[in-house]
Amino acid sequence: MRFPNAYKGISKVLLAEILQLIGTVVGIVAGVFMLMVVEGDPEILLEGSLVTVGVSTVAVIVAGVVGIIAFILNLVGLVQAKKDDNGFRYALIFTVICIVLAIVAAFIVNINPVLSDWMSFVVTIFELCVFEYVVVGIMSLAQKLGDEKMVAFGSKMRLIITILYIVVLVMQLFGRFNIAFAGVMTTILGIIELVLYIAYLIYLIKARTMLAK
């Protein structure tokens, strides 16, 4: 094993993404339940609305907790992986920027909701940078190991991630100017993020297998 630090780091990042995937699925469930409350017939939902809202609230909390655990694992994994390639170092920097901006956005949401909303939008852009640099780091290691298939697959993965994130950004912008469709947009974005995580997960699994040799 030529890159033990990268192997250990990628393994943690992989686990973090699996947890994030679980959190995304739970988030989609929460969105669907909230959509049932908003879009449903009040007379039909009157009796079960409290249960529906309760389930949705629990789902949001679970998704949040899982997200925090995934973030910590991801951070630790990148700290380890950066010892073997600088690509992971940049991914770590952008990850820290994301969490700082997300905390500030959450803190000022009641003071300046518009600024908070736009800061969350910027976080999404930096998340793209994190994904890109992780893939770049893996491609760099693949080149050093002479694994041209992983390099080529990495190029395709970067293209897929970029396209999906552009779609996410466009939909987020559309949602900001069309509040009436906010619930539907949240559910659609959740599904797109699910596809993104699965694609990214596949690449991380392949990278872990490559580094284990």
N, C-alpha and C. Protein backbone atom coordinates (compact mmCIF):
# COMPACT_ATOMS: atom_id res chain seq x y z
N MET A 1 0.86 -1.20 0.00
CA MET A 1 0.00 0.00 0.00
C MET A 1 0.89 1.25 0.00
N ARG A 2 0.85 2.00 -1.13
CA ARG A 2 1.73 3.16 -1.28
C ARG A 2 1.21 4.41 -0.58
N PHE A 3 -0.10 4.50 -0.44
CA PHE A 3 -0.68 5.71 0.15
C PHE A 3 -1.62 5.34 1.31
N PRO A 4 -1.06 4.92 2.45
CA PRO A 4 -1.89 4.51 3.60
C PRO A 4 -2.74 5.62 4.19
N ASN A 5 -2.19 6.85 4.18
CA ASN A 5 -2.96 7.99 4.72
C ASN A 5 -4.18 8.28 3.87
N ALA A 6 -3.98 8.25 2.56
CA ALA A 6 -5.10 8.49 1.64
C ALA A 6 -6.14 7.37 1.78
N TYR A 7 -5.67 6.14 1.94
CA TYR A 7 -6.59 5.01 2.09
C TYR A 7 -7.47 5.19 3.33
N LYS A 8 -6.84 5.51 4.46
CA LYS A 8 -7.59 5.71 5.71
C LYS A 8 -8.53 6.91 5.59
N GLY A 9 -8.01 7.97 4.97
CA GLY A 9 -8.82 9.18 4.81
C GLY A 9 -10.03 8.98 3.92
N ILE A 10 -9.80 8.34 2.77
CA ILE A 10 -10.89 8.08 1.83
C ILE A 10 -11.92 7.15 2.45
N SER A 11 -11.46 6.20 3.26
CA SER A 11 -12.39 5.29 3.94
C SER A 11 -13.34 6.06 4.84
N LYS A 12 -12.82 7.07 5.54
CA LYS A 12 -13.66 7.89 6.42
C LYS A 12 -14.58 8.79 5.60
N VAL A 13 -14.06 9.34 4.51
CA VAL A 13 -14.89 10.18 3.63
C VAL A 13 -16.02 9.34 3.05
N LEU A 14 -15.71 8.11 2.68
CA LEU A 14 -16.71 7.19 2.14
C LEU A 14 -17.82 6.94 3.16
N LEU A 15 -17.43 6.67 4.41
CA LEU A 15 -18.42 6.45 5.47
C LEU A 15 -19.25 7.71 5.69
N ALA A 16 -18.59 8.86 5.62
CA ALA A 16 -19.30 10.13 5.79
C ALA A 16 -20.35 10.32 4.70
N GLU A 17 -20.01 9.95 3.48
CA GLU A 17 -20.95 10.09 2.36
C GLU A 17 -22.11 9.12 2.47
N ILE A 18 -21.85 7.92 3.01
CA ILE A 18 -22.94 6.96 3.22
C ILE A 18 -23.93 7.53 4.24
N LEU A 19 -23.39 8.11 5.31
CA LEU A 19 -24.25 8.74 6.32
C LEU A 19 -25.00 9.93 5.72
N GLN A 20 -24.29 10.70 4.88
CA GLN A 20 -24.92 11.86 4.24
C GLN A 20 -26.05 11.42 3.32
N LEU A 21 -25.83 10.28 2.66
CA LEU A 21 -26.85 9.71 1.78
C LEU A 21 -28.09 9.34 2.58
N ILE A 22 -27.86 8.72 3.74
CA ILE A 22 -28.97 8.37 4.64
C ILE A 22 -29.71 9.64 5.08
N GLY A 23 -28.94 10.66 5.43
CA GLY A 23 -29.53 11.93 5.85
C GLY A 23 -30.36 12.57 4.75
N THR A 24 -29.87 12.45 3.50
CA THR A 24 -30.60 13.02 2.36
C THR A 24 -31.93 12.30 2.15
N VAL A 25 -31.90 10.96 2.27
CA VAL A 25 -33.14 10.18 2.12
C VAL A 25 -34.14 10.57 3.20
N VAL A 26 -33.65 10.71 4.43
CA VAL A 26 -34.52 11.12 5.54
C VAL A 26 -35.07 12.53 5.28
N GLY A 27 -34.22 13.40 4.72
CA GLY A 27 -34.66 14.76 4.39
C GLY A 27 -35.75 14.77 3.34
N ILE A 28 -35.63 13.88 2.35
CA ILE A 28 -36.65 13.77 1.30
C ILE A 28 -37.97 13.33 1.92
N VAL A 29 -37.89 12.36 2.84
CA VAL A 29 -39.09 11.89 3.54
C VAL A 29 -39.76 13.06 4.28
N ALA A 30 -38.94 13.86 4.95
CA ALA A 30 -39.47 15.03 5.67
C ALA A 30 -40.16 15.99 4.71
N GLY A 31 -39.52 16.21 3.53
CA GLY A 31 -40.11 17.10 2.53
C GLY A 31 -41.44 16.60 2.00
N VAL A 32 -41.51 15.29 1.77
CA VAL A 32 -42.75 14.68 1.28
C VAL A 32 -43.88 14.84 2.29
N PHE A 33 -43.58 14.59 3.56
CA PHE A 33 -44.58 14.72 4.62
C PHE A 33 -45.06 16.16 4.75
N MET A 34 -44.14 17.11 4.66
CA MET A 34 -44.53 18.52 4.74
C MET A 34 -45.37 18.91 3.54
N LEU A 35 -45.05 18.34 2.38
CA LEU A 35 -45.82 18.61 1.16
C LEU A 35 -47.24 18.09 1.30
N MET A 36 -47.40 16.97 2.00
CA MET A 36 -48.73 16.41 2.25
C MET A 36 -49.57 17.35 3.08
N VAL A 37 -48.92 18.02 4.04
CA VAL A 37 -49.64 18.95 4.92
C VAL A 37 -50.04 20.21 4.16
N VAL A 38 -49.08 20.72 3.35
CA VAL A 38 -49.32 21.98 2.64
C VAL A 38 -50.31 21.83 1.50
N GLU A 39 -50.16 20.72 0.73
CA GLU A 39 -50.96 20.55 -0.48
C GLU A 39 -52.26 19.79 -0.27
N GLY A 40 -52.39 19.09 0.84
CA GLY A 40 -53.55 18.22 1.05
C GLY A 40 -54.82 18.96 1.40
N ASP A 41 -55.92 18.23 1.37
CA ASP A 41 -57.22 18.76 1.75
C ASP A 41 -57.26 18.92 3.27
N PRO A 42 -57.49 20.15 3.77
CA PRO A 42 -57.49 20.40 5.21
C PRO A 42 -58.44 19.49 5.98
N GLU A 43 -59.63 19.19 5.40
CA GLU A 43 -60.60 18.36 6.10
C GLU A 43 -60.10 16.92 6.24
N ILE A 44 -59.41 16.44 5.20
CA ILE A 44 -58.90 15.07 5.24
C ILE A 44 -57.69 14.97 6.16
N LEU A 45 -56.84 16.01 6.13
CA LEU A 45 -55.60 15.97 6.88
C LEU A 45 -55.72 16.47 8.32
N LEU A 46 -56.88 17.02 8.67
CA LEU A 46 -57.06 17.62 9.99
C LEU A 46 -56.71 16.64 11.10
N GLU A 47 -57.21 15.41 10.95
CA GLU A 47 -57.01 14.42 11.99
C GLU A 47 -55.58 13.92 12.06
N GLY A 48 -54.95 13.76 10.92
CA GLY A 48 -53.61 13.20 10.91
C GLY A 48 -52.49 14.20 10.70
N SER A 49 -52.84 15.49 10.61
CA SER A 49 -51.82 16.50 10.32
C SER A 49 -50.77 16.61 11.42
N LEU A 50 -51.22 16.49 12.68
CA LEU A 50 -50.27 16.59 13.79
C LEU A 50 -49.25 15.46 13.74
N VAL A 51 -49.72 14.26 13.39
CA VAL A 51 -48.83 13.11 13.27
C VAL A 51 -47.85 13.33 12.10
N THR A 52 -48.40 13.83 11.00
CA THR A 52 -47.59 14.07 9.82
C THR A 52 -46.50 15.09 10.10
N VAL A 53 -46.86 16.20 10.74
CA VAL A 53 -45.89 17.24 11.09
C VAL A 53 -44.87 16.69 12.08
N GLY A 54 -45.35 15.85 13.01
CA GLY A 54 -44.45 15.26 14.00
C GLY A 54 -43.40 14.38 13.36
N VAL A 55 -43.85 13.52 12.43
CA VAL A 55 -42.93 12.64 11.72
C VAL A 55 -41.92 13.46 10.92
N SER A 56 -42.41 14.51 10.27
CA SER A 56 -41.54 15.37 9.48
C SER A 56 -40.50 16.05 10.37
N THR A 57 -40.91 16.51 11.54
CA THR A 57 -39.99 17.18 12.46
C THR A 57 -38.90 16.22 12.94
N VAL A 58 -39.30 15.01 13.30
CA VAL A 58 -38.33 13.99 13.74
C VAL A 58 -37.34 13.68 12.62
N ALA A 59 -37.88 13.57 11.39
CA ALA A 59 -37.03 13.27 10.24
C ALA A 59 -35.99 14.37 10.02
N VAL A 60 -36.41 15.62 10.18
CA VAL A 60 -35.49 16.75 10.01
C VAL A 60 -34.40 16.71 11.07
N ILE A 61 -34.77 16.39 12.31
CA ILE A 61 -33.79 16.31 13.40
C ILE A 61 -32.79 15.19 13.15
N VAL A 62 -33.29 14.02 12.75
CA VAL A 62 -32.43 12.88 12.46
C VAL A 62 -31.46 13.21 11.33
N ALA A 63 -31.99 13.84 10.27
CA ALA A 63 -31.15 14.23 9.14
C ALA A 63 -30.06 15.20 9.59
N GLY A 64 -30.41 16.11 10.51
CA GLY A 64 -29.44 17.07 11.02
C GLY A 64 -28.33 16.41 11.81
N VAL A 65 -28.69 15.49 12.70
CA VAL A 65 -27.71 14.78 13.53
C VAL A 65 -26.78 13.94 12.65
N VAL A 66 -27.36 13.22 11.71
CA VAL A 66 -26.57 12.40 10.79
C VAL A 66 -25.62 13.28 9.99
N GLY A 67 -26.10 14.45 9.59
CA GLY A 67 -25.28 15.39 8.83
C GLY A 67 -24.07 15.87 9.62
N ILE A 68 -24.25 16.11 10.91
CA ILE A 68 -23.15 16.57 11.78
C ILE A 68 -22.09 15.48 11.91
N ILE A 69 -22.54 14.25 12.14
CA ILE A 69 -21.61 13.12 12.27
C ILE A 69 -20.83 12.93 10.96
N ALA A 70 -21.55 13.03 9.84
CA ALA A 70 -20.92 12.87 8.53
C ALA A 70 -19.88 13.96 8.29
N PHE A 71 -20.19 15.18 8.71
CA PHE A 71 -19.26 16.30 8.53
C PHE A 71 -17.96 16.06 9.30
N ILE A 72 -18.08 15.60 10.55
CA ILE A 72 -16.90 15.34 11.38
C ILE A 72 -16.03 14.25 10.75
N LEU A 73 -16.67 13.17 10.31
CA LEU A 73 -15.93 12.08 9.66
C LEU A 73 -15.24 12.56 8.39
N ASN A 74 -15.94 13.35 7.61
CA ASN A 74 -15.40 13.89 6.37
C ASN A 74 -14.17 14.76 6.64
N LEU A 75 -14.27 15.58 7.68
CA LEU A 75 -13.19 16.48 8.06
C LEU A 75 -11.95 15.69 8.47
N VAL A 76 -12.14 14.70 9.33
CA VAL A 76 -11.04 13.86 9.80
C VAL A 76 -10.41 13.10 8.63
N GLY A 77 -11.27 12.60 7.73
CA GLY A 77 -10.78 11.87 6.57
C GLY A 77 -9.92 12.73 5.66
N LEU A 78 -10.34 13.96 5.42
CA LEU A 78 -9.58 14.87 4.56
C LEU A 78 -8.25 15.27 5.20
N VAL A 79 -8.26 15.43 6.53
CA VAL A 79 -7.02 15.75 7.25
C VAL A 79 -5.99 14.63 7.04
N GLN A 80 -6.46 13.38 7.09
CA GLN A 80 -5.56 12.25 6.86
C GLN A 80 -5.12 12.16 5.40
N ALA A 81 -6.07 12.28 4.48
CA ALA A 81 -5.77 12.11 3.06
C ALA A 81 -4.84 13.18 2.50
N LYS A 82 -4.90 14.39 3.08
CA LYS A 82 -4.09 15.49 2.54
C LYS A 82 -2.58 15.24 2.71
N LYS A 83 -2.23 14.28 3.56
CA LYS A 83 -0.82 13.95 3.76
C LYS A 83 -0.22 13.28 2.53
N ASP A 84 -1.09 12.74 1.68
CA ASP A 84 -0.62 12.04 0.48
C ASP A 84 -0.85 12.80 -0.82
N ASP A 85 -1.73 13.81 -0.79
CA ASP A 85 -1.96 14.60 -2.01
C ASP A 85 -2.57 15.96 -1.65
N ASN A 86 -2.11 17.01 -2.32
CA ASN A 86 -2.57 18.37 -2.03
C ASN A 86 -4.01 18.63 -2.44
N GLY A 87 -4.54 17.80 -3.34
CA GLY A 87 -5.93 17.98 -3.74
C GLY A 87 -6.86 17.91 -2.55
N PHE A 88 -6.57 17.00 -1.63
CA PHE A 88 -7.39 16.84 -0.44
C PHE A 88 -7.22 18.02 0.52
N ARG A 89 -6.05 18.65 0.46
CA ARG A 89 -5.81 19.84 1.28
C ARG A 89 -6.77 20.97 0.89
N TYR A 90 -6.91 21.18 -0.42
CA TYR A 90 -7.84 22.21 -0.90
C TYR A 90 -9.29 21.84 -0.57
N ALA A 91 -9.60 20.55 -0.68
CA ALA A 91 -10.95 20.08 -0.33
C ALA A 91 -11.23 20.37 1.14
N LEU A 92 -10.22 20.20 1.99
CA LEU A 92 -10.35 20.47 3.42
C LEU A 92 -10.59 21.96 3.67
N ILE A 93 -9.85 22.80 2.96
CA ILE A 93 -10.01 24.26 3.11
C ILE A 93 -11.43 24.69 2.75
N PHE A 94 -11.93 24.19 1.62
CA PHE A 94 -13.28 24.55 1.19
C PHE A 94 -14.35 23.98 2.13
N THR A 95 -14.06 22.82 2.74
CA THR A 95 -14.99 22.23 3.70
C THR A 95 -15.11 23.13 4.93
N VAL A 96 -13.98 23.64 5.41
CA VAL A 96 -13.99 24.55 6.57
C VAL A 96 -14.74 25.83 6.23
N ILE A 97 -14.50 26.36 5.02
CA ILE A 97 -15.21 27.57 4.58
C ILE A 97 -16.72 27.32 4.57
N CYS A 98 -17.12 26.15 4.07
CA CYS A 98 -18.54 25.80 4.02
C CYS A 98 -19.18 25.81 5.40
N ILE A 99 -18.52 25.19 6.37
CA ILE A 99 -19.11 25.09 7.70
C ILE A 99 -19.16 26.45 8.37
N VAL A 100 -18.14 27.29 8.15
CA VAL A 100 -18.13 28.64 8.74
C VAL A 100 -19.29 29.46 8.17
N LEU A 101 -19.44 29.44 6.84
CA LEU A 101 -20.52 30.18 6.20
C LEU A 101 -21.89 29.66 6.62
N ALA A 102 -22.01 28.33 6.75
CA ALA A 102 -23.29 27.72 7.15
C ALA A 102 -23.66 28.14 8.57
N ILE A 103 -22.66 28.19 9.47
CA ILE A 103 -22.92 28.60 10.86
C ILE A 103 -23.34 30.06 10.91
N VAL A 104 -22.64 30.92 10.16
CA VAL A 104 -22.98 32.35 10.13
C VAL A 104 -24.38 32.54 9.56
N ALA A 105 -24.69 31.80 8.48
CA ALA A 105 -26.01 31.89 7.84
C ALA A 105 -27.11 31.50 8.82
N ALA A 106 -26.87 30.44 9.60
CA ALA A 106 -27.86 29.99 10.58
C ALA A 106 -28.01 31.01 11.71
N PHE A 107 -26.91 31.66 12.07
CA PHE A 107 -26.91 32.61 13.18
C PHE A 107 -27.68 33.89 12.83
N ILE A 108 -27.58 34.32 11.57
CA ILE A 108 -28.20 35.60 11.19
C ILE A 108 -29.55 35.42 10.50
N VAL A 109 -30.07 34.18 10.46
CA VAL A 109 -31.30 33.93 9.71
C VAL A 109 -32.47 34.78 10.21
N ASN A 110 -32.53 35.03 11.51
CA ASN A 110 -33.62 35.86 12.07
C ASN A 110 -33.31 37.35 11.99
N ILE A 111 -32.04 37.68 11.82
CA ILE A 111 -31.62 39.09 11.75
C ILE A 111 -31.72 39.60 10.32
N ASN A 112 -31.17 38.81 9.40
CA ASN A 112 -31.18 39.18 7.98
C ASN A 112 -31.41 37.92 7.15
N PRO A 113 -32.68 37.51 7.03
CA PRO A 113 -32.98 36.26 6.31
C PRO A 113 -32.54 36.24 4.86
N VAL A 114 -32.56 37.39 4.21
CA VAL A 114 -32.16 37.45 2.79
C VAL A 114 -30.67 37.15 2.65
N LEU A 115 -29.85 37.81 3.50
CA LEU A 115 -28.40 37.57 3.47
C LEU A 115 -28.09 36.12 3.84
N SER A 116 -28.81 35.61 4.83
CA SER A 116 -28.61 34.22 5.26
C SER A 116 -28.92 33.26 4.11
N ASP A 117 -29.98 33.54 3.38
CA ASP A 117 -30.39 32.70 2.26
C ASP A 117 -29.32 32.68 1.17
N TRP A 118 -28.77 33.86 0.88
CA TRP A 118 -27.75 33.95 -0.16
C TRP A 118 -26.43 33.33 0.27
N MET A 119 -26.14 33.41 1.57
CA MET A 119 -24.94 32.76 2.08
C MET A 119 -25.05 31.24 1.93
N SER A 120 -26.26 30.72 2.14
CA SER A 120 -26.50 29.28 1.96
C SER A 120 -26.28 28.90 0.50
N PHE A 121 -26.64 29.81 -0.40
CA PHE A 121 -26.44 29.59 -1.83
C PHE A 121 -24.95 29.52 -2.15
N VAL A 122 -24.17 30.41 -1.52
CA VAL A 122 -22.71 30.42 -1.72
C VAL A 122 -22.09 29.12 -1.18
N VAL A 123 -22.63 28.63 -0.07
CA VAL A 123 -22.16 27.37 0.51
C VAL A 123 -22.26 26.25 -0.51
N THR A 124 -23.36 26.23 -1.26
CA THR A 124 -23.56 25.19 -2.28
C THR A 124 -22.45 25.24 -3.33
N ILE A 125 -22.03 26.46 -3.69
CA ILE A 125 -20.96 26.62 -4.68
C ILE A 125 -19.65 26.06 -4.12
N PHE A 126 -19.36 26.35 -2.86
CA PHE A 126 -18.13 25.84 -2.24
C PHE A 126 -18.19 24.32 -2.05
N GLU A 127 -19.39 23.78 -1.87
CA GLU A 127 -19.54 22.32 -1.76
C GLU A 127 -19.10 21.67 -3.07
N LEU A 128 -19.41 22.32 -4.18
CA LEU A 128 -18.97 21.83 -5.48
C LEU A 128 -17.44 21.76 -5.52
N CYS A 129 -16.79 22.79 -4.96
CA CYS A 129 -15.33 22.83 -4.92
C CYS A 129 -14.77 21.67 -4.10
N VAL A 130 -15.45 21.34 -3.01
CA VAL A 130 -15.01 20.21 -2.17
C VAL A 130 -15.05 18.92 -2.98
N PHE A 131 -16.19 18.66 -3.63
CA PHE A 131 -16.33 17.46 -4.45
C PHE A 131 -15.25 17.41 -5.54
N GLU A 132 -15.06 18.54 -6.20
CA GLU A 132 -14.10 18.60 -7.31
C GLU A 132 -12.69 18.27 -6.84
N TYR A 133 -12.26 18.85 -5.73
CA TYR A 133 -10.89 18.64 -5.27
C TYR A 133 -10.66 17.24 -4.70
N VAL A 134 -11.69 16.65 -4.13
CA VAL A 134 -11.56 15.25 -3.69
C VAL A 134 -11.33 14.36 -4.91
N VAL A 135 -12.11 14.58 -5.95
CA VAL A 135 -11.95 13.80 -7.18
C VAL A 135 -10.58 14.06 -7.80
N VAL A 136 -10.16 15.33 -7.80
CA VAL A 136 -8.84 15.68 -8.34
C VAL A 136 -7.73 14.97 -7.56
N GLY A 137 -7.88 14.94 -6.23
CA GLY A 137 -6.90 14.25 -5.40
C GLY A 137 -6.82 12.77 -5.71
N ILE A 138 -7.97 12.15 -5.89
CA ILE A 138 -8.01 10.72 -6.22
C ILE A 138 -7.41 10.48 -7.61
N MET A 139 -7.72 11.36 -8.56
CA MET A 139 -7.16 11.22 -9.90
C MET A 139 -5.63 11.34 -9.87
N SER A 140 -5.13 12.24 -9.02
CA SER A 140 -3.68 12.42 -8.89
C SER A 140 -3.02 11.15 -8.36
N LEU A 141 -3.64 10.54 -7.36
CA LEU A 141 -3.12 9.29 -6.80
C LEU A 141 -3.21 8.16 -7.84
N ALA A 142 -4.30 8.17 -8.61
CA ALA A 142 -4.47 7.15 -9.65
C ALA A 142 -3.37 7.25 -10.71
N GLN A 143 -2.99 8.50 -11.05
CA GLN A 143 -1.91 8.70 -12.02
C GLN A 143 -0.59 8.16 -11.48
N LYS A 144 -0.34 8.41 -10.19
CA LYS A 144 0.89 7.94 -9.56
C LYS A 144 0.93 6.41 -9.51
N LEU A 145 -0.26 5.80 -9.40
CA LEU A 145 -0.35 4.34 -9.35
C LEU A 145 -0.46 3.72 -10.74
N GLY A 146 -0.56 4.58 -11.76
CA GLY A 146 -0.66 4.10 -13.14
C GLY A 146 -2.02 3.52 -13.48
N ASP A 147 -3.06 3.95 -12.76
CA ASP A 147 -4.41 3.44 -13.01
C ASP A 147 -5.15 4.43 -13.93
N GLU A 148 -4.98 4.24 -15.22
CA GLU A 148 -5.57 5.16 -16.20
C GLU A 148 -7.09 5.10 -16.23
N LYS A 149 -7.65 3.93 -15.90
CA LYS A 149 -9.11 3.79 -15.88
C LYS A 149 -9.74 4.69 -14.82
N MET A 150 -9.08 4.77 -13.64
CA MET A 150 -9.59 5.64 -12.57
C MET A 150 -9.44 7.11 -12.93
N VAL A 151 -8.38 7.42 -13.66
CA VAL A 151 -8.18 8.81 -14.11
C VAL A 151 -9.30 9.20 -15.07
N ALA A 152 -9.58 8.32 -16.03
CA ALA A 152 -10.64 8.59 -17.01
C ALA A 152 -12.00 8.65 -16.34
N PHE A 153 -12.23 7.73 -15.39
CA PHE A 153 -13.51 7.72 -14.67
C PHE A 153 -13.65 8.98 -13.83
N GLY A 154 -12.52 9.46 -13.30
CA GLY A 154 -12.54 10.69 -12.50
C GLY A 154 -12.94 11.90 -13.34
N SER A 155 -12.45 11.94 -14.57
CA SER A 155 -12.81 13.04 -15.48
C SER A 155 -14.31 13.05 -15.74
N LYS A 156 -14.88 11.85 -15.97
CA LYS A 156 -16.33 11.75 -16.18
C LYS A 156 -17.09 12.14 -14.92
N MET A 157 -16.56 11.74 -13.77
CA MET A 157 -17.21 12.04 -12.50
C MET A 157 -17.24 13.55 -12.25
N ARG A 158 -16.14 14.23 -12.56
CA ARG A 158 -16.10 15.70 -12.39
C ARG A 158 -17.15 16.37 -13.26
N LEU A 159 -17.32 15.87 -14.49
CA LEU A 159 -18.31 16.43 -15.40
C LEU A 159 -19.72 16.22 -14.85
N ILE A 160 -20.00 15.00 -14.36
CA ILE A 160 -21.32 14.67 -13.81
C ILE A 160 -21.62 15.55 -12.59
N ILE A 161 -20.65 15.66 -11.69
CA ILE A 161 -20.83 16.46 -10.47
C ILE A 161 -21.08 17.92 -10.81
N THR A 162 -20.31 18.44 -11.76
CA THR A 162 -20.46 19.85 -12.15
C THR A 162 -21.84 20.11 -12.74
N ILE A 163 -22.29 19.23 -13.64
CA ILE A 163 -23.60 19.40 -14.28
C ILE A 163 -24.72 19.35 -13.23
N LEU A 164 -24.65 18.36 -12.33
CA LEU A 164 -25.68 18.22 -11.30
C LEU A 164 -25.70 19.44 -10.38
N TYR A 165 -24.53 19.94 -10.03
CA TYR A 165 -24.49 21.10 -9.15
C TYR A 165 -25.01 22.36 -9.84
N ILE A 166 -24.77 22.48 -11.13
CA ILE A 166 -25.30 23.62 -11.88
C ILE A 166 -26.83 23.56 -11.87
N VAL A 167 -27.37 22.36 -12.05
CA VAL A 167 -28.83 22.16 -11.99
C VAL A 167 -29.36 22.55 -10.61
N VAL A 168 -28.65 22.12 -9.57
CA VAL A 168 -29.05 22.43 -8.20
C VAL A 168 -29.03 23.95 -7.97
N LEU A 169 -27.99 24.61 -8.42
CA LEU A 169 -27.86 26.06 -8.24
C LEU A 169 -28.97 26.81 -8.97
N VAL A 170 -29.25 26.38 -10.20
CA VAL A 170 -30.31 27.02 -10.99
C VAL A 170 -31.67 26.85 -10.31
N MET A 171 -31.92 25.64 -9.81
CA MET A 171 -33.19 25.38 -9.14
C MET A 171 -33.31 26.14 -7.82
N GLN A 172 -32.20 26.28 -7.13
CA GLN A 172 -32.20 27.07 -5.89
C GLN A 172 -32.53 28.53 -6.19
N LEU A 173 -31.97 29.06 -7.27
CA LEU A 173 -32.27 30.44 -7.68
C LEU A 173 -33.74 30.57 -8.05
N PHE A 174 -34.25 29.59 -8.80
CA PHE A 174 -35.65 29.60 -9.20
C PHE A 174 -36.56 29.57 -7.98
N GLY A 175 -36.18 28.75 -6.99
CA GLY A 175 -36.97 28.63 -5.77
C GLY A 175 -37.02 29.90 -4.96
N ARG A 176 -35.94 30.69 -5.03
CA ARG A 176 -35.89 31.95 -4.28
C ARG A 176 -36.86 32.99 -4.84
N PHE A 177 -37.15 32.89 -6.14
CA PHE A 177 -38.05 33.86 -6.77
C PHE A 177 -39.44 33.29 -7.02
N ASN A 178 -39.64 32.04 -6.61
CA ASN A 178 -40.95 31.39 -6.77
C ASN A 178 -41.27 30.64 -5.48
N ILE A 179 -41.59 31.38 -4.44
CA ILE A 179 -41.82 30.82 -3.11
C ILE A 179 -42.95 29.79 -3.12
N ALA A 180 -43.93 29.98 -4.00
CA ALA A 180 -45.08 29.07 -4.05
C ALA A 180 -44.66 27.63 -4.35
N PHE A 181 -43.52 27.49 -5.04
CA PHE A 181 -43.06 26.15 -5.41
C PHE A 181 -41.94 25.65 -4.50
N ALA A 182 -41.73 26.32 -3.37
CA ALA A 182 -40.62 25.99 -2.47
C ALA A 182 -40.66 24.53 -1.99
N GLY A 183 -41.84 24.05 -1.62
CA GLY A 183 -41.97 22.68 -1.13
C GLY A 183 -41.62 21.67 -2.19
N VAL A 184 -42.15 21.87 -3.40
CA VAL A 184 -41.88 20.97 -4.52
C VAL A 184 -40.39 21.01 -4.89
N MET A 185 -39.83 22.23 -4.91
CA MET A 185 -38.43 22.41 -5.26
C MET A 185 -37.52 21.69 -4.28
N THR A 186 -37.86 21.76 -2.99
CA THR A 186 -37.06 21.10 -1.96
C THR A 186 -37.00 19.60 -2.19
N THR A 187 -38.15 19.02 -2.53
CA THR A 187 -38.22 17.57 -2.79
C THR A 187 -37.41 17.20 -4.03
N ILE A 188 -37.54 17.98 -5.09
CA ILE A 188 -36.80 17.72 -6.33
C ILE A 188 -35.29 17.84 -6.10
N LEU A 189 -34.89 18.89 -5.36
CA LEU A 189 -33.48 19.08 -5.05
C LEU A 189 -32.93 17.92 -4.23
N GLY A 190 -33.76 17.40 -3.33
CA GLY A 190 -33.35 16.26 -2.52
C GLY A 190 -33.06 15.04 -3.39
N ILE A 191 -33.90 14.84 -4.41
CA ILE A 191 -33.73 13.71 -5.32
C ILE A 191 -32.45 13.87 -6.15
N ILE A 192 -32.20 15.10 -6.62
CA ILE A 192 -30.98 15.37 -7.39
C ILE A 192 -29.74 15.14 -6.52
N GLU A 193 -29.79 15.61 -5.28
CA GLU A 193 -28.67 15.41 -4.36
C GLU A 193 -28.45 13.93 -4.09
N LEU A 194 -29.53 13.17 -4.07
CA LEU A 194 -29.44 11.72 -3.87
C LEU A 194 -28.66 11.08 -5.01
N VAL A 195 -28.97 11.48 -6.23
CA VAL A 195 -28.26 10.98 -7.41
C VAL A 195 -26.79 11.37 -7.34
N LEU A 196 -26.54 12.61 -6.91
CA LEU A 196 -25.18 13.12 -6.79
C LEU A 196 -24.37 12.30 -5.80
N TYR A 197 -24.96 12.05 -4.64
CA TYR A 197 -24.26 11.28 -3.60
C TYR A 197 -23.97 9.85 -4.06
N ILE A 198 -24.93 9.24 -4.77
CA ILE A 198 -24.72 7.87 -5.25
C ILE A 198 -23.56 7.81 -6.25
N ALA A 199 -23.51 8.78 -7.18
CA ALA A 199 -22.43 8.83 -8.16
C ALA A 199 -21.09 9.03 -7.46
N TYR A 200 -21.05 9.95 -6.51
CA TYR A 200 -19.84 10.25 -5.76
C TYR A 200 -19.42 9.04 -4.92
N LEU A 201 -20.41 8.36 -4.37
CA LEU A 201 -20.17 7.18 -3.54
C LEU A 201 -19.51 6.07 -4.35
N ILE A 202 -19.99 5.88 -5.57
CA ILE A 202 -19.42 4.85 -6.46
C ILE A 202 -17.94 5.14 -6.71
N TYR A 203 -17.62 6.41 -6.94
CA TYR A 203 -16.22 6.78 -7.21
C TYR A 203 -15.34 6.58 -5.97
N LEU A 204 -15.88 6.92 -4.80
CA LEU A 204 -15.12 6.74 -3.56
C LEU A 204 -14.85 5.26 -3.29
N ILE A 205 -15.84 4.41 -3.58
CA ILE A 205 -15.67 2.97 -3.39
C ILE A 205 -14.55 2.45 -4.30
N LYS A 206 -14.58 2.89 -5.56
CA LYS A 206 -13.54 2.49 -6.51
C LYS A 206 -12.17 2.99 -6.07
N ALA A 207 -12.14 4.24 -5.52
CA ALA A 207 -10.88 4.82 -5.06
C ALA A 207 -10.33 4.04 -3.87
N ARG A 208 -11.20 3.67 -2.96
CA ARG A 208 -10.77 2.90 -1.77
C ARG A 208 -10.20 1.54 -2.20
N THR A 209 -10.86 0.91 -3.18
CA THR A 209 -10.38 -0.37 -3.69
C THR A 209 -9.01 -0.22 -4.34
N MET A 210 -8.84 0.87 -5.10
CA MET A 210 -7.57 1.14 -5.77
C MET A 210 -6.44 1.36 -4.75
N LEU A 211 -6.71 2.12 -3.71
CA LEU A 211 -5.69 2.46 -2.71
C LEU A 211 -5.37 1.28 -1.78
N ALA A 212 -6.27 0.30 -1.73
CA ALA A 212 -6.06 -0.86 -0.86
C ALA A 212 -5.02 -1.82 -1.44
N LYS A 213 -4.72 -1.67 -2.72
CA LYS A 213 -3.79 -2.59 -3.38
C LYS A 213 -2.34 -2.33 -2.95
